[in-house]
């Protein structure tokens, strides 16, 4: 990506447009700070589409997480006997400290 000042861009506008048409992105600065980026319209549309796709994917993930959070936990799992064994092991380990 090329950087140029506003004065340089103003002076070289036809060349700047030709470079952008060729696919280059040019950042225009004022007092050393970027204030604009000149890009081809199709590149901008592609970026906006990618951004929207990412937002849509994030929304789908959020919906799935909320659905999972609201769903009851499965009732199948370990038996009561196995749970008691695990609790006994945890307590034995805690008491040994």
N, C-alpha and C. Protein backbone atom coordinates (compact mmCIF):
# COMPACT_ATOMS: atom_id res chain seq x y z
N UNK A 1 0.84 -1.16 0.00
CA UNK A 1 0.00 0.00 0.00
C UNK A 1 0.90 1.24 0.00
N UNK A 2 0.60 2.16 -0.89
CA UNK A 2 1.36 3.38 -1.02
C UNK A 2 0.74 4.48 -0.17
N UNK A 3 1.58 5.37 0.33
CA UNK A 3 1.11 6.50 1.13
C UNK A 3 1.56 7.79 0.45
N UNK A 4 0.67 8.77 0.42
CA UNK A 4 1.04 10.09 -0.10
C UNK A 4 0.25 11.16 0.63
N UNK A 5 0.80 12.36 0.62
CA UNK A 5 0.13 13.47 1.28
C UNK A 5 -1.01 13.97 0.42
N UNK A 6 -1.86 14.79 1.02
CA UNK A 6 -2.97 15.38 0.25
C UNK A 6 -2.43 16.20 -0.91
N UNK A 7 -1.38 16.97 -0.67
CA UNK A 7 -0.79 17.81 -1.73
C UNK A 7 -0.28 16.94 -2.88
N UNK A 8 0.39 15.84 -2.55
CA UNK A 8 0.88 14.94 -3.59
C UNK A 8 -0.28 14.32 -4.37
N UNK A 9 -1.32 13.94 -3.65
CA UNK A 9 -2.48 13.33 -4.30
C UNK A 9 -3.17 14.32 -5.21
N UNK A 10 -3.29 15.55 -4.77
CA UNK A 10 -3.94 16.59 -5.58
C UNK A 10 -3.15 16.82 -6.86
N UNK A 11 -1.84 16.88 -6.74
CA UNK A 11 -0.98 17.13 -7.89
C UNK A 11 -0.99 15.95 -8.86
N UNK A 12 -1.04 14.75 -8.34
CA UNK A 12 -0.90 13.55 -9.18
C UNK A 12 -2.21 12.78 -9.29
N UNK A 13 -3.35 13.46 -9.23
CA UNK A 13 -4.64 12.75 -9.23
C UNK A 13 -4.82 11.82 -10.42
N UNK A 14 -4.54 12.24 -11.66
CA UNK A 14 -4.72 11.28 -12.77
C UNK A 14 -3.85 10.03 -12.61
N UNK A 15 -2.60 10.22 -12.17
CA UNK A 15 -1.72 9.06 -11.96
C UNK A 15 -2.25 8.21 -10.81
N UNK A 16 -2.73 8.85 -9.75
CA UNK A 16 -3.28 8.13 -8.60
C UNK A 16 -4.46 7.25 -9.04
N UNK A 17 -5.34 7.81 -9.85
CA UNK A 17 -6.50 7.04 -10.33
C UNK A 17 -6.04 5.86 -11.18
N UNK A 18 -5.07 6.07 -12.03
CA UNK A 18 -4.55 4.97 -12.86
C UNK A 18 -3.97 3.86 -11.99
N UNK A 19 -3.26 4.24 -10.95
CA UNK A 19 -2.68 3.23 -10.05
C UNK A 19 -3.76 2.47 -9.30
N UNK A 20 -4.81 3.15 -8.89
CA UNK A 20 -5.92 2.49 -8.20
C UNK A 20 -6.63 1.54 -9.16
N UNK A 21 -6.84 1.98 -10.39
CA UNK A 21 -7.48 1.11 -11.39
C UNK A 21 -6.65 -0.16 -11.59
N UNK A 22 -5.34 -0.03 -11.50
CA UNK A 22 -4.45 -1.18 -11.66
C UNK A 22 -4.45 -2.09 -10.44
N UNK A 23 -5.16 -1.68 -9.37
CA UNK A 23 -5.29 -2.56 -8.21
C UNK A 23 -4.55 -2.09 -6.97
N UNK A 24 -3.85 -0.99 -7.06
CA UNK A 24 -3.10 -0.49 -5.90
C UNK A 24 -4.03 0.25 -4.94
N UNK A 25 -3.72 0.18 -3.67
CA UNK A 25 -4.44 0.95 -2.66
C UNK A 25 -3.53 2.08 -2.21
N UNK A 26 -4.08 3.27 -2.13
CA UNK A 26 -3.27 4.43 -1.78
C UNK A 26 -3.86 5.12 -0.56
N UNK A 27 -3.04 5.29 0.47
CA UNK A 27 -3.45 5.98 1.68
C UNK A 27 -3.04 7.44 1.56
N UNK A 28 -3.97 8.32 1.83
CA UNK A 28 -3.70 9.76 1.78
C UNK A 28 -3.59 10.25 3.21
N UNK A 29 -2.53 11.03 3.46
CA UNK A 29 -2.28 11.52 4.81
C UNK A 29 -2.37 13.04 4.88
N UNK A 30 -2.67 13.51 6.08
CA UNK A 30 -2.62 14.95 6.38
C UNK A 30 -1.82 15.10 7.66
N UNK A 31 -0.76 15.87 7.59
CA UNK A 31 0.13 16.06 8.74
C UNK A 31 0.62 14.72 9.30
N UNK A 32 0.87 13.77 8.41
CA UNK A 32 1.42 12.48 8.80
C UNK A 32 0.40 11.45 9.25
N UNK A 33 -0.86 11.84 9.40
CA UNK A 33 -1.90 10.91 9.86
C UNK A 33 -2.76 10.47 8.67
N UNK A 34 -3.07 9.18 8.55
CA UNK A 34 -3.92 8.72 7.47
C UNK A 34 -5.34 9.31 7.60
N UNK A 35 -5.86 9.82 6.48
CA UNK A 35 -7.20 10.39 6.50
C UNK A 35 -8.13 9.74 5.47
N UNK A 36 -7.55 9.04 4.50
CA UNK A 36 -8.37 8.40 3.47
C UNK A 36 -7.57 7.28 2.81
N UNK A 37 -8.31 6.31 2.29
CA UNK A 37 -7.71 5.25 1.49
C UNK A 37 -8.49 5.18 0.19
N UNK A 38 -7.78 5.23 -0.92
CA UNK A 38 -8.41 5.17 -2.23
C UNK A 38 -8.27 3.74 -2.74
N UNK A 39 -9.42 3.10 -2.99
CA UNK A 39 -9.44 1.71 -3.49
C UNK A 39 -10.45 1.60 -4.61
N UNK A 40 -10.33 0.54 -5.37
CA UNK A 40 -11.31 0.29 -6.43
C UNK A 40 -12.64 -0.08 -5.81
N UNK A 41 -13.74 0.28 -6.46
CA UNK A 41 -15.07 -0.04 -5.91
C UNK A 41 -15.29 -1.54 -5.72
N UNK A 42 -14.78 -2.37 -6.63
CA UNK A 42 -14.99 -3.81 -6.48
C UNK A 42 -14.23 -4.34 -5.27
N UNK A 43 -13.07 -3.77 -4.95
CA UNK A 43 -12.33 -4.19 -3.76
C UNK A 43 -13.11 -3.82 -2.50
N UNK A 44 -13.73 -2.67 -2.52
CA UNK A 44 -14.52 -2.24 -1.37
C UNK A 44 -15.74 -3.14 -1.18
N UNK A 45 -16.41 -3.47 -2.28
CA UNK A 45 -17.57 -4.37 -2.19
C UNK A 45 -17.16 -5.74 -1.64
N UNK A 46 -16.01 -6.24 -2.10
CA UNK A 46 -15.52 -7.53 -1.62
C UNK A 46 -15.27 -7.49 -0.12
N UNK A 47 -14.66 -6.41 0.36
CA UNK A 47 -14.40 -6.27 1.79
C UNK A 47 -15.69 -6.17 2.58
N UNK A 48 -16.63 -5.42 2.08
CA UNK A 48 -17.91 -5.29 2.78
C UNK A 48 -18.64 -6.62 2.83
N UNK A 49 -18.59 -7.38 1.74
CA UNK A 49 -19.23 -8.69 1.71
C UNK A 49 -18.57 -9.63 2.70
N UNK A 50 -17.23 -9.61 2.76
CA UNK A 50 -16.51 -10.47 3.71
C UNK A 50 -16.84 -10.07 5.14
N UNK A 51 -16.95 -8.77 5.37
CA UNK A 51 -17.30 -8.29 6.71
C UNK A 51 -18.71 -8.77 7.09
N UNK A 52 -19.65 -8.65 6.16
CA UNK A 52 -21.02 -9.09 6.43
C UNK A 52 -21.07 -10.60 6.65
N UNK A 53 -20.30 -11.35 5.87
CA UNK A 53 -20.25 -12.81 6.07
C UNK A 53 -19.73 -13.15 7.47
N UNK A 54 -18.70 -12.42 7.92
CA UNK A 54 -18.16 -12.67 9.26
C UNK A 54 -19.19 -12.32 10.34
N UNK A 55 -19.91 -11.23 10.16
CA UNK A 55 -20.95 -10.86 11.12
C UNK A 55 -22.08 -11.89 11.14
N UNK A 56 -22.46 -12.38 9.96
CA UNK A 56 -23.50 -13.40 9.88
C UNK A 56 -23.05 -14.69 10.59
N UNK A 57 -21.80 -15.08 10.38
CA UNK A 57 -21.29 -16.28 11.03
C UNK A 57 -21.26 -16.10 12.54
N UNK A 58 -20.87 -14.92 13.00
CA UNK A 58 -20.86 -14.65 14.44
C UNK A 58 -22.27 -14.71 15.01
N UNK A 59 -23.25 -14.21 14.28
CA UNK A 59 -24.65 -14.26 14.74
C UNK A 59 -25.13 -15.72 14.83
N UNK A 60 -24.75 -16.53 13.85
CA UNK A 60 -25.14 -17.95 13.90
C UNK A 60 -24.50 -18.66 15.10
N UNK A 61 -23.25 -18.36 15.37
CA UNK A 61 -22.58 -18.95 16.53
C UNK A 61 -23.27 -18.51 17.81
N UNK A 62 -23.60 -17.23 17.90
CA UNK A 62 -24.29 -16.71 19.08
C UNK A 62 -25.63 -17.43 19.28
N UNK A 63 -26.38 -17.60 18.19
CA UNK A 63 -27.67 -18.30 18.30
C UNK A 63 -27.48 -19.74 18.79
N UNK A 64 -26.47 -20.41 18.29
CA UNK A 64 -26.22 -21.80 18.72
C UNK A 64 -25.82 -21.85 20.19
N UNK A 65 -24.98 -20.91 20.60
CA UNK A 65 -24.58 -20.88 22.01
C UNK A 65 -25.77 -20.61 22.92
N UNK A 66 -26.64 -19.68 22.53
CA UNK A 66 -27.82 -19.39 23.34
C UNK A 66 -28.76 -20.60 23.40
N UNK A 67 -28.93 -21.28 22.26
CA UNK A 67 -29.78 -22.46 22.25
C UNK A 67 -29.21 -23.55 23.15
N UNK A 68 -27.89 -23.72 23.11
CA UNK A 68 -27.26 -24.72 23.96
C UNK A 68 -27.37 -24.33 25.44
N UNK A 69 -27.25 -23.04 25.72
CA UNK A 69 -27.35 -22.59 27.11
C UNK A 69 -28.74 -22.83 27.67
N UNK A 70 -29.75 -22.69 26.84
CA UNK A 70 -31.14 -22.85 27.29
C UNK A 70 -31.59 -24.31 27.32
N UNK A 71 -30.88 -25.18 26.61
CA UNK A 71 -31.27 -26.59 26.55
C UNK A 71 -30.92 -27.29 27.85
N UNK A 72 -31.77 -28.21 28.28
CA UNK A 72 -31.47 -28.95 29.50
C UNK A 72 -30.27 -29.87 29.28
N UNK A 73 -29.55 -30.12 30.34
CA UNK A 73 -28.43 -31.05 30.24
C UNK A 73 -28.96 -32.46 30.06
N UNK A 74 -28.25 -33.27 29.33
CA UNK A 74 -28.71 -34.64 29.14
C UNK A 74 -28.75 -35.39 30.47
N UNK A 75 -29.75 -36.25 30.60
CA UNK A 75 -29.90 -36.99 31.85
C UNK A 75 -29.06 -38.26 31.86
N UNK A 76 -28.62 -38.69 30.70
CA UNK A 76 -27.77 -39.88 30.67
C UNK A 76 -26.36 -39.46 31.07
N UNK A 77 -25.71 -40.28 31.77
CA UNK A 77 -24.36 -39.95 32.22
C UNK A 77 -23.84 -41.06 33.09
N UNK A 78 -23.12 -40.70 34.11
CA UNK A 78 -22.56 -41.72 34.99
C UNK A 78 -23.62 -42.18 35.99
N UNK A 79 -23.43 -43.37 36.47
CA UNK A 79 -24.37 -43.92 37.45
C UNK A 79 -24.16 -43.26 38.81
N UNK A 80 -25.14 -43.40 39.67
CA UNK A 80 -25.03 -42.85 41.02
C UNK A 80 -23.86 -43.50 41.76
N UNK A 81 -23.66 -44.78 41.51
CA UNK A 81 -22.55 -45.48 42.18
C UNK A 81 -21.20 -44.90 41.75
N UNK A 82 -21.03 -44.66 40.44
CA UNK A 82 -19.77 -44.11 39.93
C UNK A 82 -19.58 -42.69 40.45
N UNK A 83 -20.65 -41.92 40.52
CA UNK A 83 -20.56 -40.57 41.06
C UNK A 83 -20.09 -40.60 42.50
N UNK A 84 -20.61 -41.52 43.29
CA UNK A 84 -20.19 -41.65 44.70
C UNK A 84 -18.72 -42.03 44.79
N UNK A 85 -18.26 -42.91 43.89
CA UNK A 85 -16.85 -43.30 43.87
C UNK A 85 -15.96 -42.10 43.58
N UNK A 86 -16.34 -41.30 42.60
CA UNK A 86 -15.57 -40.12 42.24
C UNK A 86 -15.52 -39.12 43.40
N UNK A 87 -16.65 -38.92 44.04
CA UNK A 87 -16.70 -38.00 45.18
C UNK A 87 -15.80 -38.50 46.30
N UNK A 88 -15.82 -39.82 46.54
CA UNK A 88 -14.96 -40.39 47.58
C UNK A 88 -13.49 -40.17 47.24
N UNK A 89 -13.11 -40.33 45.97
CA UNK A 89 -11.73 -40.11 45.55
C UNK A 89 -11.33 -38.66 45.74
N UNK A 90 -12.21 -37.76 45.40
CA UNK A 90 -11.92 -36.33 45.55
C UNK A 90 -11.73 -36.00 47.04
N UNK A 91 -12.63 -36.51 47.85
CA UNK A 91 -12.51 -36.23 49.29
C UNK A 91 -11.25 -36.83 49.89
N UNK A 92 -10.89 -38.04 49.44
CA UNK A 92 -9.67 -38.68 49.94
C UNK A 92 -8.45 -37.87 49.55
N UNK A 93 -8.44 -37.38 48.32
CA UNK A 93 -7.32 -36.56 47.88
C UNK A 93 -7.25 -35.23 48.62
N UNK A 94 -8.40 -34.65 48.90
CA UNK A 94 -8.44 -33.40 49.64
C UNK A 94 -7.99 -33.60 51.08
N UNK A 95 -8.43 -34.68 51.68
CA UNK A 95 -8.08 -34.96 53.09
C UNK A 95 -6.59 -35.30 53.23
N UNK A 96 -5.99 -35.84 52.18
CA UNK A 96 -4.58 -36.24 52.23
C UNK A 96 -3.66 -35.01 52.26
N UNK A 97 -4.14 -33.85 51.87
CA UNK A 97 -3.29 -32.64 51.85
C UNK A 97 -3.05 -32.08 53.18
